[in-house]
Amino acid sequence: MGHGNQKANLRKLCDGLENIVVIEAVADNQYSALLSAADLLLVNERSTQMEMSLPSKLTSYLHSERPVLAAVPKGGATWKFLDGIAELVEAGKPSLLARAIEDLRQDPEKRKQLASKGLEFARRNLDAEIGRRNYLDWVNSLIQSKRG
């Protein structure tokens, strides 16, 4: 099934629902504003996806200062990456996902804490300069281990 069919099916499923809006893809310069307008950001992976896909939208999600809910394989790479900074539910369990959404909807303090934790993590770990420095440190450690 192509993306066009998936979008049409999603639109049909959401028809008449006032709290869900399906929109077209946006230009890169509008993406941050779109994320900032959301109440909650969802990462939804297949239950068999144990590795992270790169590049990942998680960097943008965490920098957006919005709470993140992740329906991902328990013990997989995304679960491990987001543990402690996002609300996690096991992938492939829609009733758990629905319950987590409802629980977060009713708990503004928890949403605020998740948003803050995600932003703090992104600032400490996902900044381009920090990534460059960590990479160079790693390369230097390889060079030093070859010399020693």
N, C-alpha and C. Protein backbone atom coordinates (compact mmCIF):
# COMPACT_ATOMS: atom_id res chain seq x y z
N MET A 1 0.84 -1.17 0.00
CA MET A 1 0.00 0.00 0.00
C MET A 1 0.89 1.24 0.00
N GLY A 2 0.66 2.16 -0.93
CA GLY A 2 1.45 3.38 -1.00
C GLY A 2 1.04 4.40 0.04
N HIS A 3 1.87 5.43 0.16
CA HIS A 3 1.58 6.48 1.16
C HIS A 3 0.26 7.19 0.86
N GLY A 4 -0.07 7.36 -0.40
CA GLY A 4 -1.32 8.02 -0.77
C GLY A 4 -2.53 7.26 -0.25
N ASN A 5 -2.50 5.93 -0.38
CA ASN A 5 -3.60 5.11 0.13
C ASN A 5 -3.68 5.15 1.65
N GLN A 6 -2.52 5.13 2.31
CA GLN A 6 -2.50 5.20 3.76
C GLN A 6 -3.11 6.51 4.25
N LYS A 7 -2.75 7.61 3.57
CA LYS A 7 -3.27 8.92 3.96
C LYS A 7 -4.77 8.98 3.75
N ALA A 8 -5.25 8.41 2.64
CA ALA A 8 -6.69 8.40 2.37
C ALA A 8 -7.43 7.58 3.42
N ASN A 9 -6.85 6.42 3.81
CA ASN A 9 -7.47 5.60 4.85
C ASN A 9 -7.48 6.32 6.19
N LEU A 10 -6.38 7.00 6.51
CA LEU A 10 -6.30 7.75 7.76
C LEU A 10 -7.34 8.86 7.77
N ARG A 11 -7.45 9.58 6.66
CA ARG A 11 -8.46 10.63 6.58
C ARG A 11 -9.87 10.07 6.80
N LYS A 12 -10.14 8.92 6.21
CA LYS A 12 -11.46 8.29 6.34
C LYS A 12 -11.72 7.89 7.79
N LEU A 13 -10.71 7.30 8.44
CA LEU A 13 -10.87 6.90 9.84
C LEU A 13 -11.12 8.10 10.76
N CYS A 14 -10.52 9.22 10.43
CA CYS A 14 -10.62 10.41 11.28
C CYS A 14 -11.77 11.33 10.89
N ASP A 15 -12.48 10.99 9.84
CA ASP A 15 -13.58 11.83 9.37
C ASP A 15 -14.61 12.02 10.49
N GLY A 16 -14.93 13.26 10.78
CA GLY A 16 -15.91 13.58 11.81
C GLY A 16 -15.35 13.74 13.21
N LEU A 17 -14.07 13.41 13.39
CA LEU A 17 -13.46 13.58 14.71
C LEU A 17 -12.94 15.01 14.82
N GLU A 18 -13.34 15.71 15.87
CA GLU A 18 -12.95 17.10 16.02
C GLU A 18 -11.56 17.29 16.61
N ASN A 19 -11.04 16.26 17.29
CA ASN A 19 -9.77 16.42 17.98
C ASN A 19 -8.58 15.86 17.20
N ILE A 20 -8.80 15.41 15.97
CA ILE A 20 -7.71 14.91 15.13
C ILE A 20 -7.78 15.60 13.77
N VAL A 21 -6.65 16.13 13.35
CA VAL A 21 -6.57 16.80 12.05
C VAL A 21 -5.44 16.14 11.26
N VAL A 22 -5.74 15.65 10.07
CA VAL A 22 -4.74 15.08 9.19
C VAL A 22 -4.36 16.17 8.20
N ILE A 23 -3.07 16.51 8.17
CA ILE A 23 -2.64 17.58 7.28
C ILE A 23 -1.62 17.06 6.27
N GLU A 24 -1.42 17.82 5.24
CA GLU A 24 -0.42 17.48 4.24
C GLU A 24 0.97 17.74 4.81
N ALA A 25 1.97 17.19 4.16
CA ALA A 25 3.36 17.45 4.56
C ALA A 25 3.62 18.95 4.48
N VAL A 26 4.49 19.44 5.34
CA VAL A 26 4.82 20.86 5.35
C VAL A 26 6.26 21.05 4.91
N ALA A 27 6.56 22.26 4.48
CA ALA A 27 7.93 22.62 4.08
C ALA A 27 8.83 22.62 5.31
N ASP A 28 10.13 22.41 5.09
CA ASP A 28 11.10 22.38 6.19
C ASP A 28 11.01 23.61 7.08
N ASN A 29 10.80 24.78 6.49
CA ASN A 29 10.78 26.00 7.28
C ASN A 29 9.51 26.14 8.13
N GLN A 30 8.54 25.25 7.95
CA GLN A 30 7.31 25.28 8.75
C GLN A 30 7.26 24.15 9.78
N TYR A 31 8.21 23.24 9.70
CA TYR A 31 8.17 22.03 10.52
C TYR A 31 8.24 22.34 12.02
N SER A 32 9.16 23.18 12.44
CA SER A 32 9.29 23.51 13.87
C SER A 32 8.03 24.15 14.41
N ALA A 33 7.44 25.05 13.65
CA ALA A 33 6.20 25.70 14.10
C ALA A 33 5.07 24.69 14.23
N LEU A 34 5.03 23.74 13.32
CA LEU A 34 4.00 22.70 13.38
C LEU A 34 4.18 21.85 14.65
N LEU A 35 5.40 21.45 14.95
CA LEU A 35 5.64 20.68 16.16
C LEU A 35 5.27 21.47 17.41
N SER A 36 5.60 22.75 17.42
CA SER A 36 5.32 23.59 18.58
C SER A 36 3.82 23.77 18.81
N ALA A 37 3.02 23.58 17.79
CA ALA A 37 1.57 23.73 17.91
C ALA A 37 0.90 22.48 18.49
N ALA A 38 1.64 21.38 18.56
CA ALA A 38 1.06 20.11 19.01
C ALA A 38 0.97 20.05 20.54
N ASP A 39 0.00 19.32 21.02
CA ASP A 39 -0.12 19.06 22.46
C ASP A 39 0.77 17.91 22.88
N LEU A 40 0.98 16.96 21.96
CA LEU A 40 1.72 15.74 22.25
C LEU A 40 2.28 15.23 20.93
N LEU A 41 3.51 14.75 20.96
CA LEU A 41 4.14 14.21 19.75
C LEU A 41 4.27 12.69 19.91
N LEU A 42 3.90 11.96 18.85
CA LEU A 42 3.88 10.51 18.89
C LEU A 42 4.94 9.91 18.00
N VAL A 43 5.70 8.98 18.55
CA VAL A 43 6.60 8.12 17.79
C VAL A 43 5.92 6.76 17.78
N ASN A 44 5.60 6.26 16.61
CA ASN A 44 4.87 4.99 16.50
C ASN A 44 5.62 4.06 15.56
N GLU A 45 6.21 3.01 16.13
CA GLU A 45 7.01 2.07 15.33
C GLU A 45 6.32 0.71 15.29
N ARG A 46 6.70 -0.08 14.27
CA ARG A 46 6.24 -1.47 14.20
C ARG A 46 6.81 -2.24 15.39
N SER A 47 6.11 -3.26 15.81
CA SER A 47 6.57 -4.05 16.96
C SER A 47 7.82 -4.85 16.64
N THR A 48 8.18 -4.95 15.35
CA THR A 48 9.37 -5.70 14.95
C THR A 48 10.58 -4.79 14.69
N GLN A 49 10.42 -3.50 14.85
CA GLN A 49 11.51 -2.55 14.54
C GLN A 49 12.38 -2.36 15.77
N MET A 50 13.43 -3.14 15.88
CA MET A 50 14.30 -3.09 17.05
C MET A 50 15.42 -2.07 16.92
N GLU A 51 15.74 -1.65 15.71
CA GLU A 51 16.80 -0.66 15.47
C GLU A 51 16.17 0.70 15.20
N MET A 52 16.90 1.76 15.51
CA MET A 52 16.42 3.11 15.22
C MET A 52 16.67 3.43 13.75
N SER A 53 15.77 4.21 13.19
CA SER A 53 15.96 4.71 11.84
C SER A 53 16.67 6.05 11.92
N LEU A 54 17.68 6.23 11.10
CA LEU A 54 18.42 7.49 11.08
C LEU A 54 18.43 8.03 9.67
N PRO A 55 18.29 9.33 9.44
CA PRO A 55 18.08 10.32 10.50
C PRO A 55 16.70 10.15 11.14
N SER A 56 16.58 10.60 12.34
CA SER A 56 15.36 10.41 13.10
C SER A 56 14.68 11.73 13.38
N LYS A 57 13.35 11.68 13.41
CA LYS A 57 12.58 12.88 13.77
C LYS A 57 12.68 13.18 15.25
N LEU A 58 13.27 12.26 16.03
CA LEU A 58 13.35 12.45 17.47
C LEU A 58 14.12 13.71 17.86
N THR A 59 15.15 14.06 17.11
CA THR A 59 15.90 15.27 17.43
C THR A 59 14.98 16.48 17.39
N SER A 60 14.19 16.59 16.34
CA SER A 60 13.25 17.71 16.23
C SER A 60 12.18 17.63 17.32
N TYR A 61 11.69 16.43 17.58
CA TYR A 61 10.66 16.27 18.61
C TYR A 61 11.18 16.75 19.96
N LEU A 62 12.37 16.32 20.34
CA LEU A 62 12.89 16.67 21.66
C LEU A 62 13.23 18.14 21.77
N HIS A 63 13.70 18.75 20.69
CA HIS A 63 13.98 20.19 20.71
C HIS A 63 12.71 21.04 20.73
N SER A 64 11.57 20.47 20.40
CA SER A 64 10.32 21.24 20.29
C SER A 64 9.73 21.64 21.63
N GLU A 65 10.23 21.06 22.71
CA GLU A 65 9.71 21.30 24.06
C GLU A 65 8.24 20.90 24.16
N ARG A 66 7.94 19.76 23.56
CA ARG A 66 6.62 19.15 23.64
C ARG A 66 6.80 17.74 24.21
N PRO A 67 5.80 17.25 24.96
CA PRO A 67 5.93 15.90 25.48
C PRO A 67 5.90 14.88 24.34
N VAL A 68 6.66 13.81 24.52
CA VAL A 68 6.74 12.76 23.51
C VAL A 68 6.19 11.47 24.10
N LEU A 69 5.32 10.83 23.34
CA LEU A 69 4.78 9.51 23.66
C LEU A 69 5.30 8.58 22.58
N ALA A 70 5.89 7.45 22.99
CA ALA A 70 6.47 6.53 22.03
C ALA A 70 5.85 5.15 22.19
N ALA A 71 5.24 4.66 21.10
CA ALA A 71 4.76 3.28 21.02
C ALA A 71 5.82 2.54 20.21
N VAL A 72 6.73 1.89 20.92
CA VAL A 72 7.92 1.30 20.30
C VAL A 72 8.17 -0.08 20.91
N PRO A 73 8.95 -0.92 20.23
CA PRO A 73 9.24 -2.24 20.78
C PRO A 73 9.98 -2.15 22.11
N LYS A 74 9.46 -2.84 23.10
CA LYS A 74 10.09 -2.85 24.42
C LYS A 74 11.48 -3.46 24.31
N GLY A 75 12.48 -2.74 24.80
CA GLY A 75 13.86 -3.21 24.74
C GLY A 75 14.58 -2.86 23.45
N GLY A 76 13.86 -2.28 22.49
CA GLY A 76 14.48 -1.88 21.23
C GLY A 76 15.29 -0.61 21.38
N ALA A 77 15.95 -0.20 20.31
CA ALA A 77 16.85 0.96 20.36
C ALA A 77 16.10 2.25 20.71
N THR A 78 14.92 2.46 20.14
CA THR A 78 14.18 3.69 20.44
C THR A 78 13.72 3.69 21.88
N TRP A 79 13.27 2.55 22.39
CA TRP A 79 12.85 2.44 23.79
C TRP A 79 14.01 2.84 24.70
N LYS A 80 15.19 2.27 24.44
CA LYS A 80 16.36 2.58 25.26
C LYS A 80 16.75 4.05 25.16
N PHE A 81 16.67 4.59 23.95
CA PHE A 81 17.03 5.99 23.72
C PHE A 81 16.11 6.94 24.48
N LEU A 82 14.80 6.65 24.48
CA LEU A 82 13.81 7.55 25.06
C LEU A 82 13.47 7.26 26.53
N ASP A 83 13.98 6.18 27.06
CA ASP A 83 13.66 5.82 28.44
C ASP A 83 14.05 6.94 29.40
N GLY A 84 13.08 7.43 30.14
CA GLY A 84 13.32 8.50 31.09
C GLY A 84 13.02 9.89 30.56
N ILE A 85 12.84 10.03 29.24
CA ILE A 85 12.56 11.36 28.68
C ILE A 85 11.28 11.39 27.85
N ALA A 86 10.63 10.24 27.71
CA ALA A 86 9.35 10.17 26.99
C ALA A 86 8.46 9.16 27.71
N GLU A 87 7.18 9.25 27.45
CA GLU A 87 6.24 8.24 27.94
C GLU A 87 6.33 7.06 26.97
N LEU A 88 6.55 5.87 27.49
CA LEU A 88 6.76 4.70 26.65
C LEU A 88 5.63 3.69 26.81
N VAL A 89 5.16 3.15 25.68
CA VAL A 89 4.23 2.02 25.68
C VAL A 89 4.73 1.03 24.64
N GLU A 90 4.40 -0.22 24.85
CA GLU A 90 4.85 -1.25 23.92
C GLU A 90 4.14 -1.14 22.58
N ALA A 91 4.91 -1.22 21.51
CA ALA A 91 4.37 -1.14 20.15
C ALA A 91 3.37 -2.27 19.91
N GLY A 92 2.40 -1.98 19.04
CA GLY A 92 1.44 -3.01 18.65
C GLY A 92 0.34 -3.25 19.66
N LYS A 93 0.21 -2.37 20.64
CA LYS A 93 -0.82 -2.52 21.68
C LYS A 93 -1.66 -1.24 21.72
N PRO A 94 -2.61 -1.12 20.78
CA PRO A 94 -3.36 0.13 20.66
C PRO A 94 -4.13 0.52 21.92
N SER A 95 -4.59 -0.45 22.71
CA SER A 95 -5.32 -0.08 23.93
C SER A 95 -4.38 0.59 24.93
N LEU A 96 -3.12 0.14 25.01
CA LEU A 96 -2.15 0.79 25.89
C LEU A 96 -1.83 2.20 25.39
N LEU A 97 -1.71 2.35 24.08
CA LEU A 97 -1.44 3.66 23.50
C LEU A 97 -2.60 4.61 23.80
N ALA A 98 -3.83 4.15 23.59
CA ALA A 98 -5.00 5.00 23.86
C ALA A 98 -5.05 5.41 25.33
N ARG A 99 -4.76 4.46 26.22
CA ARG A 99 -4.77 4.76 27.66
C ARG A 99 -3.69 5.79 28.00
N ALA A 100 -2.50 5.64 27.41
CA ALA A 100 -1.41 6.58 27.69
C ALA A 100 -1.77 7.98 27.20
N ILE A 101 -2.40 8.07 26.04
CA ILE A 101 -2.83 9.37 25.52
C ILE A 101 -3.83 10.01 26.48
N GLU A 102 -4.80 9.23 26.91
CA GLU A 102 -5.82 9.75 27.83
C GLU A 102 -5.20 10.15 29.17
N ASP A 103 -4.29 9.33 29.69
CA ASP A 103 -3.63 9.66 30.96
C ASP A 103 -2.84 10.97 30.84
N LEU A 104 -2.12 11.13 29.74
CA LEU A 104 -1.35 12.36 29.54
C LEU A 104 -2.26 13.56 29.32
N ARG A 105 -3.38 13.34 28.66
CA ARG A 105 -4.33 14.44 28.46
C ARG A 105 -4.81 14.99 29.80
N GLN A 106 -4.97 14.10 30.76
CA GLN A 106 -5.48 14.49 32.07
C GLN A 106 -4.40 14.92 33.05
N ASP A 107 -3.14 14.90 32.63
CA ASP A 107 -2.04 15.21 33.55
C ASP A 107 -1.11 16.27 32.97
N PRO A 108 -1.51 17.55 33.02
CA PRO A 108 -0.69 18.60 32.44
C PRO A 108 0.69 18.71 33.08
N GLU A 109 0.81 18.38 34.35
CA GLU A 109 2.12 18.45 35.01
C GLU A 109 3.07 17.41 34.43
N LYS A 110 2.59 16.22 34.18
CA LYS A 110 3.44 15.19 33.59
C LYS A 110 3.84 15.58 32.17
N ARG A 111 2.91 16.14 31.40
CA ARG A 111 3.25 16.60 30.04
C ARG A 111 4.35 17.65 30.11
N LYS A 112 4.24 18.56 31.06
CA LYS A 112 5.25 19.61 31.22
C LYS A 112 6.60 19.01 31.59
N GLN A 113 6.62 18.04 32.50
CA GLN A 113 7.86 17.39 32.91
C GLN A 113 8.51 16.66 31.74
N LEU A 114 7.71 15.92 30.96
CA LEU A 114 8.25 15.21 29.80
C LEU A 114 8.85 16.18 28.78
N ALA A 115 8.15 17.28 28.54
CA ALA A 115 8.65 18.28 27.59
C ALA A 115 9.99 18.85 28.06
N SER A 116 10.08 19.15 29.35
CA SER A 116 11.32 19.71 29.90
C SER A 116 12.46 18.70 29.85
N LYS A 117 12.17 17.45 30.21
CA LYS A 117 13.20 16.40 30.18
C LYS A 117 13.72 16.20 28.75
N GLY A 118 12.81 16.19 27.79
CA GLY A 118 13.21 16.00 26.40
C GLY A 118 14.08 17.13 25.90
N LEU A 119 13.69 18.36 26.20
CA LEU A 119 14.47 19.51 25.77
C LEU A 119 15.84 19.52 26.44
N GLU A 120 15.88 19.24 27.73
CA GLU A 120 17.16 19.20 28.45
C GLU A 120 18.08 18.13 27.85
N PHE A 121 17.52 16.95 27.56
CA PHE A 121 18.32 15.89 26.94
C PHE A 121 18.83 16.32 25.57
N ALA A 122 17.97 16.94 24.78
CA ALA A 122 18.37 17.37 23.43
C ALA A 122 19.49 18.40 23.50
N ARG A 123 19.35 19.35 24.42
CA ARG A 123 20.39 20.39 24.55
C ARG A 123 21.73 19.80 24.99
N ARG A 124 21.68 18.80 25.87
CA ARG A 124 22.91 18.19 26.38
C ARG A 124 23.55 17.21 25.40
N ASN A 125 22.73 16.55 24.58
CA ASN A 125 23.23 15.43 23.80
C ASN A 125 23.06 15.52 22.29
N LEU A 126 22.15 16.33 21.80
CA LEU A 126 21.81 16.30 20.38
C LEU A 126 22.20 17.55 19.62
N ASP A 127 22.83 18.49 20.27
CA ASP A 127 23.31 19.68 19.60
C ASP A 127 24.39 19.29 18.60
N ALA A 128 24.41 19.91 17.43
CA ALA A 128 25.37 19.56 16.38
C ALA A 128 26.82 19.71 16.86
N GLU A 129 27.11 20.77 17.59
CA GLU A 129 28.47 20.99 18.06
C GLU A 129 28.89 19.93 19.07
N ILE A 130 27.98 19.55 19.95
CA ILE A 130 28.27 18.49 20.93
C ILE A 130 28.52 17.18 20.19
N GLY A 131 27.69 16.89 19.20
CA GLY A 131 27.88 15.67 18.41
C GLY A 131 29.22 15.66 17.71
N ARG A 132 29.62 16.79 17.14
CA ARG A 132 30.92 16.89 16.47
C ARG A 132 32.05 16.67 17.46
N ARG A 133 31.94 17.29 18.63
CA ARG A 133 32.97 17.14 19.65
C ARG A 133 33.07 15.70 20.14
N ASN A 134 31.92 15.07 20.37
CA ASN A 134 31.92 13.67 20.81
C ASN A 134 32.54 12.76 19.76
N TYR A 135 32.24 13.02 18.50
CA TYR A 135 32.81 12.22 17.42
C TYR A 135 34.33 12.39 17.37
N LEU A 136 34.80 13.63 17.46
CA LEU A 136 36.25 13.87 17.45
C LEU A 136 36.94 13.24 18.66
N ASP A 137 36.29 13.30 19.82
CA ASP A 137 36.85 12.65 21.01
C ASP A 137 36.97 11.15 20.79
N TRP A 138 35.96 10.56 20.16
CA TRP A 138 35.97 9.12 19.88
C TRP A 138 37.10 8.78 18.91
N VAL A 139 37.25 9.58 17.85
CA VAL A 139 38.33 9.34 16.88
C VAL A 139 39.68 9.47 17.57
N ASN A 140 39.85 10.49 18.41
CA ASN A 140 41.11 10.66 19.15
C ASN A 140 41.39 9.47 20.07
N SER A 141 40.35 8.94 20.69
CA SER A 141 40.55 7.77 21.57
C SER A 141 40.99 6.56 20.76
N LEU A 142 40.50 6.41 19.54
CA LEU A 142 40.95 5.31 18.67
C LEU A 142 42.41 5.49 18.29
N ILE A 143 42.78 6.71 17.98
CA ILE A 143 44.18 7.00 17.61
C ILE A 143 45.10 6.71 18.78
N GLN A 144 44.68 7.17 19.98
CA GLN A 144 45.51 6.95 21.17
C GLN A 144 45.64 5.47 21.49
N SER A 145 44.58 4.70 21.30
CA SER A 145 44.66 3.27 21.60
C SER A 145 45.58 2.54 20.63
N LYS A 146 45.68 3.03 19.38
CA LYS A 146 46.60 2.44 18.39
C LYS A 146 48.05 2.77 18.73
N ARG A 147 48.27 3.93 19.30
CA ARG A 147 49.63 4.37 19.66
C ARG A 147 50.12 3.68 20.93
N GLY A 148 49.17 3.41 21.85
CA GLY A 148 49.58 2.89 23.15
C GLY A 148 49.64 1.44 23.15
